[in-house]
Amino acid sequence: MRHFKILLAFALLVSGGPGFAATARTATPEICDAAPEFSVPDKKLGYLAEAVAGHGPIDVLAVGSGTTVGQDGGGGKAFPHRMVAALRTALPGREIHLTLRGARGITAAEMLKLIDAELASQRFALVLWQTGTVDAMRGIPPDELRQTLEAGIASVRSKGADLILIDAQYAKAMEAKVNEAPYLQVLREAADTPGVLLFRRYDLMRSWAAEGRNNLENVRKADREQAVDALHDCIADVLVRFVSHGAGIPIR
């Protein structure tokens, strides 16, 4: 348990931690540039495209742990809020609602309960599910993660929604302490299911780090808050391009 708490503390540091604060805009387009393999999905978001083609509200559900909910449930700081704000800009005049659920340190199985509860009470066009990190840190068998994802996929698809899985953040220091590879592979395999896409955050962040961009491990403590904010801006930028390409939304 002590080992898990140490790793969780490191993960919170990477994700912004309790002191995370947003600014209006901290990242530039050049810093956020990403290869098409990260910003252009290989499948369409059919249900979201239908919602965009209609005239009613577009409802998005985002479920995850610390990097998804942000501090105290987000308050506009976490990347799902930024992604939805960008979609509102791309679709002026349309109502786009975000429901955000999750908490720091919860497992995929705990997230599944939240997903099922929301799907039972509301119709969503798109579900974002960020998971796998906590399962890896706790040493939960990858097969259990696979079974949880299969159940969640079946639930989301039965309710007429598209699902985007979001994998772990990349951090070199974490890579040396936790074997995330089996969990990343489980998420990749789950994304082979029709109507399910994988936003490869881990590989995206690793590519940035290799190029000397958005690498929090090389940032001075005094600059960390702004660097974390810029990183979340960039993740949101790439994610909104990913979603826009998938649903045929013109990017402004």
Protein backbone atom coordinates (compact mmCIF):
# COMPACT_ATOMS: atom_id res chain seq x y z
CA MET A 1 0.00 0.00 0.00
CA ARG A 2 2.86 2.38 0.83
CA HIS A 3 4.38 1.69 -2.60
CA PHE A 4 1.07 2.52 -4.29
CA LYS A 5 0.75 5.80 -2.35
CA ILE A 6 4.23 6.87 -3.42
CA LEU A 7 3.43 6.15 -7.08
CA LEU A 8 0.06 7.86 -6.79
CA ALA A 9 1.73 10.94 -5.35
CA PHE A 10 4.07 10.99 -8.34
CA ALA A 11 1.15 10.60 -10.74
CA LEU A 12 -0.64 13.54 -9.11
CA LEU A 13 2.51 15.63 -9.46
CA VAL A 14 2.65 14.87 -13.17
CA SER A 15 -1.08 15.61 -13.57
CA GLY A 16 -0.87 18.95 -11.83
CA GLY A 17 -1.51 17.90 -8.26
CA PRO A 18 -3.60 19.88 -5.76
CA GLY A 19 -1.99 23.16 -6.82
CA PHE A 20 -3.05 22.88 -10.47
CA ALA A 21 -4.41 26.16 -11.83
CA ALA A 22 -5.55 27.08 -15.33
CA THR A 23 -4.84 30.20 -17.33
CA ALA A 24 -6.65 31.47 -20.39
CA ARG A 25 -4.07 29.96 -22.73
CA THR A 26 -0.52 28.80 -22.08
CA ALA A 27 0.35 26.64 -25.10
CA THR A 28 1.15 27.71 -28.65
CA PRO A 29 0.13 25.79 -31.79
CA GLU A 30 3.76 24.89 -32.45
CA ILE A 31 4.17 23.30 -29.03
CA CYS A 32 0.94 21.33 -29.50
CA ASP A 33 1.74 20.05 -32.98
CA ALA A 34 1.15 16.30 -33.31
CA ALA A 35 1.52 13.70 -36.04
CA PRO A 36 -1.68 12.60 -37.84
CA GLU A 37 -1.45 9.20 -36.16
CA PHE A 38 -2.44 10.94 -32.93
CA SER A 39 -4.94 13.49 -34.23
CA VAL A 40 -6.75 11.56 -36.99
CA PRO A 41 -8.67 8.43 -35.90
CA ASP A 42 -8.91 5.33 -38.05
CA LYS A 43 -12.67 5.04 -37.45
CA LYS A 44 -15.63 7.39 -37.51
CA LEU A 45 -17.64 8.61 -34.54
CA GLY A 46 -21.01 7.76 -36.03
CA TYR A 47 -23.29 8.59 -33.10
CA LEU A 48 -21.54 11.90 -32.46
CA ALA A 49 -21.77 12.75 -36.17
CA GLU A 50 -25.53 12.09 -36.02
CA ALA A 51 -25.86 14.39 -33.02
CA VAL A 52 -23.88 17.13 -34.78
CA ALA A 53 -26.07 16.79 -37.89
CA GLY A 54 -29.18 17.23 -35.74
CA HIS A 55 -30.43 20.33 -33.97
CA GLY A 56 -30.60 19.23 -30.36
CA PRO A 57 -28.04 19.39 -27.55
CA ILE A 58 -24.86 17.34 -27.83
CA ASP A 59 -24.09 15.52 -24.59
CA VAL A 60 -20.62 14.26 -23.70
CA LEU A 61 -19.70 12.08 -20.72
CA ALA A 62 -16.08 12.04 -19.49
CA VAL A 63 -15.02 9.58 -16.80
CA GLY A 64 -11.55 9.13 -15.37
CA SER A 65 -9.10 9.74 -12.59
CA GLY A 66 -6.97 12.77 -11.66
CA THR A 67 -6.01 14.10 -15.09
CA THR A 68 -9.62 13.91 -16.27
CA VAL A 69 -11.46 15.45 -13.33
CA GLY A 70 -8.76 17.95 -12.35
CA GLN A 71 -8.72 19.57 -8.94
CA ASP A 72 -12.02 19.30 -7.04
CA GLY A 73 -13.91 17.97 -10.05
CA GLY A 74 -12.39 20.15 -12.74
CA GLY A 75 -13.90 23.63 -12.70
CA GLY A 76 -12.89 24.10 -16.32
CA LYS A 77 -9.25 23.13 -15.75
CA ALA A 78 -9.11 19.52 -16.89
CA PHE A 79 -8.71 18.58 -20.57
CA PRO A 80 -12.35 17.44 -21.13
CA HIS A 81 -13.54 20.96 -20.27
CA ARG A 82 -11.03 22.44 -22.70
CA MET A 83 -12.01 19.98 -25.41
CA VAL A 84 -15.72 20.81 -25.07
CA ALA A 85 -14.93 24.54 -25.09
CA ALA A 86 -13.11 24.03 -28.41
CA LEU A 87 -16.07 22.10 -29.82
CA ARG A 88 -18.37 24.97 -28.86
CA THR A 89 -16.11 27.29 -30.84
CA ALA A 90 -16.20 24.92 -33.82
CA LEU A 91 -20.01 24.62 -33.59
CA PRO A 92 -21.25 28.13 -32.71
CA GLY A 93 -24.78 28.29 -31.43
CA ARG A 94 -24.96 24.59 -30.53
CA GLU A 95 -25.58 23.41 -26.99
CA ILE A 96 -22.77 21.07 -25.94
CA HIS A 97 -22.99 19.70 -22.42
CA LEU A 98 -20.24 17.95 -20.49
CA THR A 99 -20.88 15.55 -17.63
CA LEU A 100 -17.67 14.84 -15.72
CA ARG A 101 -17.35 11.94 -13.30
CA GLY A 102 -14.45 10.31 -11.51
CA ALA A 103 -11.89 10.89 -8.78
CA ARG A 104 -8.21 10.61 -8.13
CA GLY A 105 -6.93 7.08 -7.60
CA ILE A 106 -9.98 5.09 -8.76
CA THR A 107 -9.77 1.91 -10.82
CA ALA A 108 -11.44 0.99 -14.10
CA ALA A 109 -13.97 -1.15 -12.22
CA GLU A 110 -14.92 1.82 -10.05
CA MET A 111 -15.24 4.01 -13.14
CA LEU A 112 -17.51 1.45 -14.79
CA LYS A 113 -20.04 1.90 -12.00
CA LEU A 114 -20.05 5.64 -12.66
CA ILE A 115 -20.49 5.09 -16.39
CA ASP A 116 -23.41 2.69 -15.90
CA ALA A 117 -25.10 5.09 -13.47
CA GLU A 118 -24.88 7.99 -15.95
CA LEU A 119 -26.00 5.91 -18.93
CA ALA A 120 -29.04 4.76 -16.97
CA SER A 121 -30.26 8.32 -16.55
CA GLN A 122 -29.17 10.18 -19.70
CA ARG A 123 -28.41 9.76 -23.40
CA PHE A 124 -24.90 10.67 -24.53
CA ALA A 125 -23.49 10.93 -28.04
CA LEU A 126 -19.89 10.49 -26.87
CA VAL A 127 -18.21 8.90 -23.86
CA LEU A 128 -14.57 9.58 -22.97
CA TRP A 129 -13.06 6.97 -20.65
CA GLN A 130 -9.57 7.63 -19.33
CA THR A 131 -8.32 4.57 -17.46
CA GLY A 132 -5.59 2.00 -16.84
CA THR A 133 -3.07 4.07 -14.89
CA VAL A 134 -4.36 3.29 -11.40
CA ASP A 135 -4.90 -0.37 -12.30
CA ALA A 136 -1.24 -0.57 -13.36
CA MET A 137 0.00 1.15 -10.20
CA ARG A 138 -2.06 -1.15 -7.99
CA GLY A 139 -0.97 -4.26 -9.86
CA ILE A 140 -4.52 -5.27 -10.79
CA PRO A 141 -4.22 -8.13 -13.31
CA PRO A 142 -4.48 -6.88 -16.91
CA ASP A 143 -7.16 -9.51 -17.60
CA GLU A 144 -9.38 -7.85 -15.00
CA LEU A 145 -8.94 -4.54 -16.82
CA ARG A 146 -9.82 -6.29 -20.08
CA GLN A 147 -13.03 -7.73 -18.61
CA THR A 148 -13.99 -4.35 -17.17
CA LEU A 149 -13.43 -2.63 -20.51
CA GLU A 150 -15.47 -5.27 -22.34
CA ALA A 151 -18.37 -4.71 -19.96
CA GLY A 152 -18.09 -0.94 -20.32
CA ILE A 153 -17.90 -1.10 -24.09
CA ALA A 154 -21.02 -3.26 -24.25
CA SER A 155 -22.85 -0.86 -21.95
CA VAL A 156 -21.88 2.28 -23.88
CA ARG A 157 -22.65 0.79 -27.28
CA SER A 158 -26.02 -0.55 -26.13
CA LYS A 159 -27.00 3.02 -25.24
CA GLY A 160 -26.15 4.40 -28.70
CA ALA A 161 -22.94 6.29 -27.88
CA ASP A 162 -19.44 6.38 -29.30
CA LEU A 163 -16.59 5.55 -26.92
CA ILE A 164 -13.08 7.00 -26.87
CA LEU A 165 -10.67 5.25 -24.52
CA ILE A 166 -7.79 7.39 -23.25
CA ASP A 167 -4.68 5.66 -21.98
CA ALA A 168 -2.06 6.69 -19.43
CA GLN A 169 0.13 9.76 -19.36
CA TYR A 170 3.76 9.16 -20.25
CA ALA A 171 6.42 9.86 -17.64
CA LYS A 172 9.93 8.48 -17.81
CA ALA A 173 10.20 8.24 -14.03
CA MET A 174 6.95 6.25 -13.88
CA GLU A 175 8.14 3.98 -16.67
CA ALA A 176 11.01 2.81 -14.44
CA LYS A 177 8.67 1.96 -11.54
CA VAL A 178 5.53 0.49 -13.13
CA ASN A 179 5.18 -1.93 -16.05
CA GLU A 180 2.41 -0.17 -17.94
CA ALA A 181 2.93 -2.09 -21.20
CA PRO A 182 0.36 -4.87 -20.54
CA TYR A 183 -2.29 -2.30 -19.60
CA LEU A 184 -1.59 -0.16 -22.66
CA GLN A 185 -1.90 -3.29 -24.79
CA VAL A 186 -5.27 -4.14 -23.24
CA LEU A 187 -6.56 -0.70 -24.19
CA ARG A 188 -5.23 -1.07 -27.74
CA GLU A 189 -7.00 -4.42 -28.13
CA ALA A 190 -10.23 -3.00 -26.70
CA ALA A 191 -10.16 -0.28 -29.36
CA ASP A 192 -10.44 -2.95 -32.06
CA THR A 193 -14.15 -3.16 -31.16
CA PRO A 194 -16.52 -1.38 -33.59
CA GLY A 195 -17.49 2.06 -32.33
CA VAL A 196 -14.52 2.24 -29.95
CA LEU A 197 -11.47 4.44 -30.54
CA LEU A 198 -8.25 4.88 -28.59
CA PHE A 199 -6.73 8.29 -27.99
CA ARG A 200 -3.07 7.37 -27.57
CA ARG A 201 -2.10 9.91 -24.96
CA TYR A 202 0.87 7.84 -23.74
CA ASP A 203 2.54 7.63 -27.15
CA LEU A 204 1.67 11.25 -27.91
CA MET A 205 3.33 12.51 -24.73
CA ARG A 206 6.33 10.24 -25.28
CA SER A 207 6.78 11.70 -28.78
CA TRP A 208 6.65 15.22 -27.35
CA ALA A 209 9.17 14.33 -24.65
CA ALA A 210 11.55 12.86 -27.25
CA GLU A 211 11.39 16.18 -29.12
CA GLY A 212 11.91 18.24 -25.96
CA ARG A 213 8.32 19.52 -25.87
CA ASN A 214 5.79 19.38 -23.02
CA ASN A 215 8.21 17.40 -20.85
CA LEU A 216 7.37 18.13 -17.22
CA GLU A 217 10.38 16.25 -15.90
CA ASN A 218 12.74 18.92 -17.23
CA VAL A 219 10.78 21.86 -15.81
CA ARG A 220 11.93 23.94 -12.83
CA LYS A 221 9.63 23.86 -9.82
CA ALA A 222 8.85 27.56 -10.22
CA ASP A 223 7.65 26.95 -13.80
CA ARG A 224 5.81 23.68 -13.20
CA GLU A 225 2.34 25.13 -12.77
CA GLN A 226 2.45 26.90 -16.12
CA ALA A 227 4.03 23.86 -17.80
CA VAL A 228 1.29 21.55 -16.53
CA ASP A 229 -1.33 23.96 -17.79
CA ALA A 230 0.34 24.10 -21.22
CA LEU A 231 0.45 20.30 -21.35
CA HIS A 232 -3.28 20.02 -20.66
CA ASP A 233 -3.93 22.67 -23.30
CA CYS A 234 -2.00 20.62 -25.83
CA ILE A 235 -3.72 17.34 -24.94
CA ALA A 236 -7.08 19.07 -25.34
CA ASP A 237 -5.98 20.55 -28.69
CA VAL A 238 -5.01 17.18 -30.11
CA LEU A 239 -8.07 15.47 -28.64
CA VAL A 240 -10.46 17.98 -30.19
CA ARG A 241 -8.80 17.44 -33.58
CA PHE A 242 -9.18 13.69 -33.06
CA VAL A 243 -12.88 14.08 -32.21
CA SER A 244 -13.50 16.61 -34.99
CA HIS A 245 -11.97 14.36 -37.65
CA GLY A 246 -13.94 11.39 -36.31
CA ALA A 247 -17.28 13.19 -36.40
CA GLY A 248 -16.73 15.36 -39.48
CA ILE A 249 -16.75 18.62 -37.53
CA PRO A 250 -14.99 21.46 -39.40
CA ILE A 251 -12.02 22.73 -37.41
CA ARG A 252 -11.74 26.50 -37.22
